[in-house]
Amino acid sequence: MSGDSVRLLQEILATDSDIFASADISGTFGPKTEAAVKLLQQHFGIDATGIVGPQTRTKINDLLIQNNIMSATDLQDSVLGDLGTGTSVQDQSGGDTTGN
């Protein structure tokens, strides 16, 4: 998967350079993004699947609000809500060639 939703996810993950490097923001969900999602999930006690499902989205949204990055109203309009509806955010071919 690629696009604005993935780019936003990567930008959020990159707010902690120990999780994801800002240089890796590409808008394409690949192995580095999956690994970063797993790190985030492990940190917050969420099953580390690498899939941005409902629990992970809720945690990210909570963090965005807690850190005054986005308001609850902005989150409703955010493309991040499009990520992970219980399925993998990677495309069916298993990812990309960019390594992100």
N, C-alpha and C. Protein backbone atom coordinates (compact mmCIF):
# COMPACT_ATOMS: atom_id res chain seq x y z
N MET A 1 0.85 -1.17 0.00
CA MET A 1 0.00 0.00 0.00
C MET A 1 0.90 1.23 0.00
N SER A 2 0.42 2.25 -0.65
CA SER A 2 1.16 3.51 -0.65
C SER A 2 0.17 4.65 -0.74
N GLY A 3 0.65 5.83 -0.40
CA GLY A 3 -0.20 7.01 -0.50
C GLY A 3 -0.13 7.88 0.74
N ASP A 4 -1.09 8.80 0.83
CA ASP A 4 -1.11 9.78 1.91
C ASP A 4 -1.26 9.13 3.29
N SER A 5 -2.06 8.07 3.37
CA SER A 5 -2.26 7.40 4.66
C SER A 5 -0.95 6.82 5.18
N VAL A 6 -0.21 6.20 4.29
CA VAL A 6 1.07 5.61 4.70
C VAL A 6 2.07 6.70 5.04
N ARG A 7 2.11 7.75 4.25
CA ARG A 7 3.02 8.86 4.53
C ARG A 7 2.72 9.45 5.92
N LEU A 8 1.45 9.66 6.23
CA LEU A 8 1.08 10.19 7.53
C LEU A 8 1.51 9.24 8.64
N LEU A 9 1.26 7.95 8.45
CA LEU A 9 1.70 6.96 9.43
C LEU A 9 3.21 7.06 9.64
N GLN A 10 3.97 7.13 8.56
CA GLN A 10 5.43 7.21 8.67
C GLN A 10 5.86 8.49 9.38
N GLU A 11 5.19 9.59 9.09
CA GLU A 11 5.52 10.85 9.77
C GLU A 11 5.26 10.74 11.27
N ILE A 12 4.19 10.06 11.63
CA ILE A 12 3.88 9.86 13.05
C ILE A 12 4.94 8.97 13.68
N LEU A 13 5.26 7.87 13.02
CA LEU A 13 6.28 6.96 13.55
C LEU A 13 7.64 7.67 13.68
N ALA A 14 7.94 8.56 12.75
CA ALA A 14 9.23 9.26 12.73
C ALA A 14 9.35 10.32 13.83
N THR A 15 8.27 10.59 14.55
CA THR A 15 8.40 11.53 15.67
C THR A 15 9.27 10.93 16.76
N ASP A 16 9.49 9.62 16.71
CA ASP A 16 10.44 8.94 17.60
C ASP A 16 11.49 8.29 16.71
N SER A 17 12.66 8.89 16.63
CA SER A 17 13.71 8.40 15.73
C SER A 17 14.20 7.01 16.09
N ASP A 18 13.91 6.55 17.32
CA ASP A 18 14.25 5.18 17.69
C ASP A 18 13.31 4.16 17.04
N ILE A 19 12.17 4.64 16.58
CA ILE A 19 11.19 3.76 15.94
C ILE A 19 11.30 3.81 14.42
N PHE A 20 11.41 5.03 13.86
CA PHE A 20 11.43 5.17 12.40
C PHE A 20 12.21 6.43 12.04
N ALA A 21 13.07 6.32 11.06
CA ALA A 21 13.89 7.47 10.63
C ALA A 21 13.12 8.34 9.65
N SER A 22 13.16 9.64 9.86
CA SER A 22 12.45 10.55 8.96
C SER A 22 12.97 10.44 7.52
N ALA A 23 14.21 10.04 7.35
CA ALA A 23 14.76 9.87 6.01
C ALA A 23 14.08 8.74 5.25
N ASP A 24 13.39 7.86 5.97
CA ASP A 24 12.72 6.71 5.35
C ASP A 24 11.28 6.99 4.96
N ILE A 25 10.80 8.20 5.18
CA ILE A 25 9.43 8.53 4.81
C ILE A 25 9.32 8.54 3.29
N SER A 26 8.50 7.63 2.78
CA SER A 26 8.36 7.50 1.33
C SER A 26 6.91 7.45 0.87
N GLY A 27 6.00 7.18 1.81
CA GLY A 27 4.61 7.00 1.43
C GLY A 27 4.30 5.59 0.96
N THR A 28 5.28 4.69 1.06
CA THR A 28 5.09 3.30 0.67
C THR A 28 5.33 2.41 1.88
N PHE A 29 4.38 1.51 2.13
CA PHE A 29 4.47 0.62 3.28
C PHE A 29 5.32 -0.58 2.89
N GLY A 30 6.51 -0.66 3.47
CA GLY A 30 7.43 -1.76 3.19
C GLY A 30 7.97 -2.33 4.48
N PRO A 31 9.05 -3.08 4.41
CA PRO A 31 9.60 -3.75 5.60
C PRO A 31 10.00 -2.81 6.74
N LYS A 32 10.55 -1.65 6.44
CA LYS A 32 10.95 -0.73 7.51
C LYS A 32 9.74 -0.18 8.24
N THR A 33 8.70 0.13 7.50
CA THR A 33 7.48 0.64 8.12
C THR A 33 6.83 -0.45 8.95
N GLU A 34 6.78 -1.66 8.43
CA GLU A 34 6.21 -2.77 9.18
C GLU A 34 6.98 -3.00 10.48
N ALA A 35 8.31 -2.95 10.41
CA ALA A 35 9.13 -3.14 11.61
C ALA A 35 8.86 -2.02 12.62
N ALA A 36 8.69 -0.79 12.14
CA ALA A 36 8.41 0.33 13.04
C ALA A 36 7.05 0.18 13.71
N VAL A 37 6.07 -0.28 12.96
CA VAL A 37 4.74 -0.51 13.53
C VAL A 37 4.84 -1.58 14.61
N LYS A 38 5.61 -2.63 14.36
CA LYS A 38 5.78 -3.69 15.35
C LYS A 38 6.44 -3.16 16.62
N LEU A 39 7.45 -2.29 16.47
CA LEU A 39 8.10 -1.69 17.64
C LEU A 39 7.11 -0.88 18.46
N LEU A 40 6.31 -0.08 17.77
CA LEU A 40 5.30 0.72 18.45
C LEU A 40 4.32 -0.18 19.18
N GLN A 41 3.87 -1.23 18.51
CA GLN A 41 2.93 -2.16 19.12
C GLN A 41 3.53 -2.82 20.35
N GLN A 42 4.77 -3.28 20.25
CA GLN A 42 5.43 -3.91 21.39
C GLN A 42 5.53 -2.95 22.56
N HIS A 43 5.89 -1.71 22.26
CA HIS A 43 6.05 -0.70 23.31
C HIS A 43 4.77 -0.48 24.09
N PHE A 44 3.63 -0.56 23.41
CA PHE A 44 2.35 -0.29 24.07
C PHE A 44 1.55 -1.55 24.39
N GLY A 45 2.20 -2.70 24.32
CA GLY A 45 1.54 -3.93 24.73
C GLY A 45 0.45 -4.41 23.78
N ILE A 46 0.57 -4.02 22.53
CA ILE A 46 -0.36 -4.47 21.49
C ILE A 46 0.30 -5.63 20.77
N ASP A 47 -0.49 -6.62 20.39
CA ASP A 47 0.05 -7.76 19.65
C ASP A 47 0.83 -7.25 18.43
N ALA A 48 2.12 -7.55 18.37
CA ALA A 48 3.02 -6.99 17.35
C ALA A 48 2.88 -7.73 16.02
N THR A 49 1.88 -7.32 15.26
CA THR A 49 1.60 -7.94 13.97
C THR A 49 2.17 -7.15 12.81
N GLY A 50 2.45 -5.86 13.03
CA GLY A 50 2.88 -5.00 11.94
C GLY A 50 1.72 -4.48 11.12
N ILE A 51 0.51 -4.84 11.52
CA ILE A 51 -0.71 -4.39 10.84
C ILE A 51 -1.31 -3.24 11.65
N VAL A 52 -1.66 -2.17 10.97
CA VAL A 52 -2.27 -1.03 11.64
C VAL A 52 -3.77 -1.28 11.70
N GLY A 53 -4.15 -2.06 12.70
CA GLY A 53 -5.55 -2.40 12.91
C GLY A 53 -6.19 -1.45 13.91
N PRO A 54 -7.38 -1.77 14.36
CA PRO A 54 -8.12 -0.86 15.25
C PRO A 54 -7.39 -0.49 16.53
N GLN A 55 -6.75 -1.46 17.22
CA GLN A 55 -6.03 -1.15 18.46
C GLN A 55 -4.87 -0.20 18.21
N THR A 56 -4.12 -0.45 17.16
CA THR A 56 -2.95 0.39 16.85
C THR A 56 -3.40 1.79 16.44
N ARG A 57 -4.43 1.88 15.61
CA ARG A 57 -4.96 3.19 15.21
C ARG A 57 -5.43 3.97 16.43
N THR A 58 -6.13 3.30 17.34
CA THR A 58 -6.61 3.97 18.54
C THR A 58 -5.44 4.50 19.37
N LYS A 59 -4.40 3.71 19.54
CA LYS A 59 -3.23 4.14 20.31
C LYS A 59 -2.55 5.32 19.63
N ILE A 60 -2.36 5.25 18.32
CA ILE A 60 -1.73 6.36 17.60
C ILE A 60 -2.59 7.61 17.74
N ASN A 61 -3.89 7.48 17.57
CA ASN A 61 -4.77 8.64 17.70
C ASN A 61 -4.71 9.23 19.11
N ASP A 62 -4.68 8.37 20.13
CA ASP A 62 -4.54 8.85 21.51
C ASP A 62 -3.25 9.63 21.70
N LEU A 63 -2.16 9.12 21.14
CA LEU A 63 -0.86 9.79 21.26
C LEU A 63 -0.88 11.14 20.55
N LEU A 64 -1.51 11.20 19.39
CA LEU A 64 -1.59 12.46 18.65
C LEU A 64 -2.34 13.51 19.45
N ILE A 65 -3.42 13.11 20.09
CA ILE A 65 -4.21 14.04 20.90
C ILE A 65 -3.43 14.43 22.16
N GLN A 66 -2.84 13.45 22.85
CA GLN A 66 -2.10 13.71 24.09
C GLN A 66 -0.94 14.67 23.86
N ASN A 67 -0.30 14.55 22.71
CA ASN A 67 0.87 15.39 22.42
C ASN A 67 0.50 16.65 21.65
N ASN A 68 -0.78 16.95 21.59
CA ASN A 68 -1.29 18.15 20.91
C ASN A 68 -0.81 18.26 19.46
N ILE A 69 -0.67 17.11 18.80
CA ILE A 69 -0.29 17.11 17.40
C ILE A 69 -1.52 17.29 16.53
N MET A 70 -2.62 16.68 16.94
CA MET A 70 -3.88 16.82 16.23
C MET A 70 -5.00 16.90 17.25
N SER A 71 -6.06 17.59 16.87
CA SER A 71 -7.24 17.60 17.72
C SER A 71 -8.14 16.43 17.33
N ALA A 72 -9.09 16.12 18.17
CA ALA A 72 -10.02 15.03 17.88
C ALA A 72 -10.77 15.30 16.58
N THR A 73 -11.10 16.56 16.33
CA THR A 73 -11.80 16.92 15.09
C THR A 73 -10.91 16.69 13.89
N ASP A 74 -9.64 17.09 13.99
CA ASP A 74 -8.70 16.88 12.89
C ASP A 74 -8.53 15.39 12.60
N LEU A 75 -8.52 14.58 13.65
CA LEU A 75 -8.36 13.14 13.47
C LEU A 75 -9.50 12.54 12.68
N GLN A 76 -10.70 13.05 12.89
CA GLN A 76 -11.85 12.53 12.15
C GLN A 76 -11.69 12.77 10.66
N ASP A 77 -11.02 13.85 10.30
CA ASP A 77 -10.80 14.19 8.90
C ASP A 77 -9.51 13.62 8.34
N SER A 78 -8.73 12.95 9.19
CA SER A 78 -7.41 12.45 8.80
C SER A 78 -7.51 11.22 7.93
N VAL A 79 -6.54 11.11 7.02
CA VAL A 79 -6.47 9.93 6.16
C VAL A 79 -5.97 8.72 6.93
N LEU A 80 -5.44 8.90 8.13
CA LEU A 80 -4.95 7.77 8.92
C LEU A 80 -6.09 6.81 9.24
N GLY A 81 -7.29 7.32 9.33
CA GLY A 81 -8.44 6.47 9.59
C GLY A 81 -8.66 5.43 8.50
N ASP A 82 -8.07 5.63 7.32
CA ASP A 82 -8.21 4.68 6.22
C ASP A 82 -7.31 3.48 6.38
N LEU A 83 -6.31 3.56 7.26
CA LEU A 83 -5.36 2.47 7.41
C LEU A 83 -5.91 1.36 8.28
N GLY A 84 -5.67 0.16 7.88
CA GLY A 84 -5.90 -1.01 8.71
C GLY A 84 -7.31 -1.21 9.18
N THR A 85 -8.11 -1.81 8.37
CA THR A 85 -9.47 -2.15 8.79
C THR A 85 -9.53 -3.62 9.15
N GLY A 86 -8.45 -4.09 9.79
CA GLY A 86 -8.39 -5.49 10.17
C GLY A 86 -7.66 -6.33 9.13
N THR A 87 -7.19 -5.69 8.07
CA THR A 87 -6.40 -6.38 7.07
C THR A 87 -5.05 -5.70 7.00
N SER A 88 -4.11 -6.35 6.37
CA SER A 88 -2.77 -5.80 6.26
C SER A 88 -2.80 -4.53 5.42
N VAL A 89 -1.96 -3.55 5.80
CA VAL A 89 -1.88 -2.35 5.00
C VAL A 89 -0.88 -2.52 3.86
N GLN A 90 -0.22 -3.67 3.81
CA GLN A 90 0.66 -3.94 2.67
C GLN A 90 -0.19 -4.41 1.51
N ASP A 91 0.32 -4.21 0.31
CA ASP A 91 -0.43 -4.67 -0.85
C ASP A 91 -0.35 -6.19 -0.95
N GLN A 92 -1.13 -6.77 -1.82
CA GLN A 92 -1.21 -8.22 -1.91
C GLN A 92 0.08 -8.86 -2.38
N SER A 93 0.95 -8.09 -3.03
CA SER A 93 2.21 -8.67 -3.50
C SER A 93 3.23 -8.79 -2.37
N GLY A 94 2.89 -8.28 -1.19
CA GLY A 94 3.78 -8.45 -0.04
C GLY A 94 4.69 -7.28 0.23
N GLY A 95 4.46 -6.15 -0.39
CA GLY A 95 5.27 -4.98 -0.08
C GLY A 95 5.79 -4.29 -1.30
N ASP A 96 6.94 -3.65 -1.14
CA ASP A 96 7.49 -2.85 -2.22
C ASP A 96 8.97 -3.12 -2.37
N THR A 97 9.58 -2.36 -3.23
CA THR A 97 11.01 -2.54 -3.45
C THR A 97 11.82 -1.38 -2.87
N THR A 98 11.15 -0.44 -2.20
CA THR A 98 11.87 0.72 -1.68
C THR A 98 12.55 0.43 -0.35
N GLY A 99 12.11 -0.61 0.34
CA GLY A 99 12.71 -0.95 1.62
C GLY A 99 12.21 -0.16 2.79
N ASN A 100 11.17 0.65 2.59
CA ASN A 100 10.62 1.44 3.68
C ASN A 100 9.53 0.66 4.29
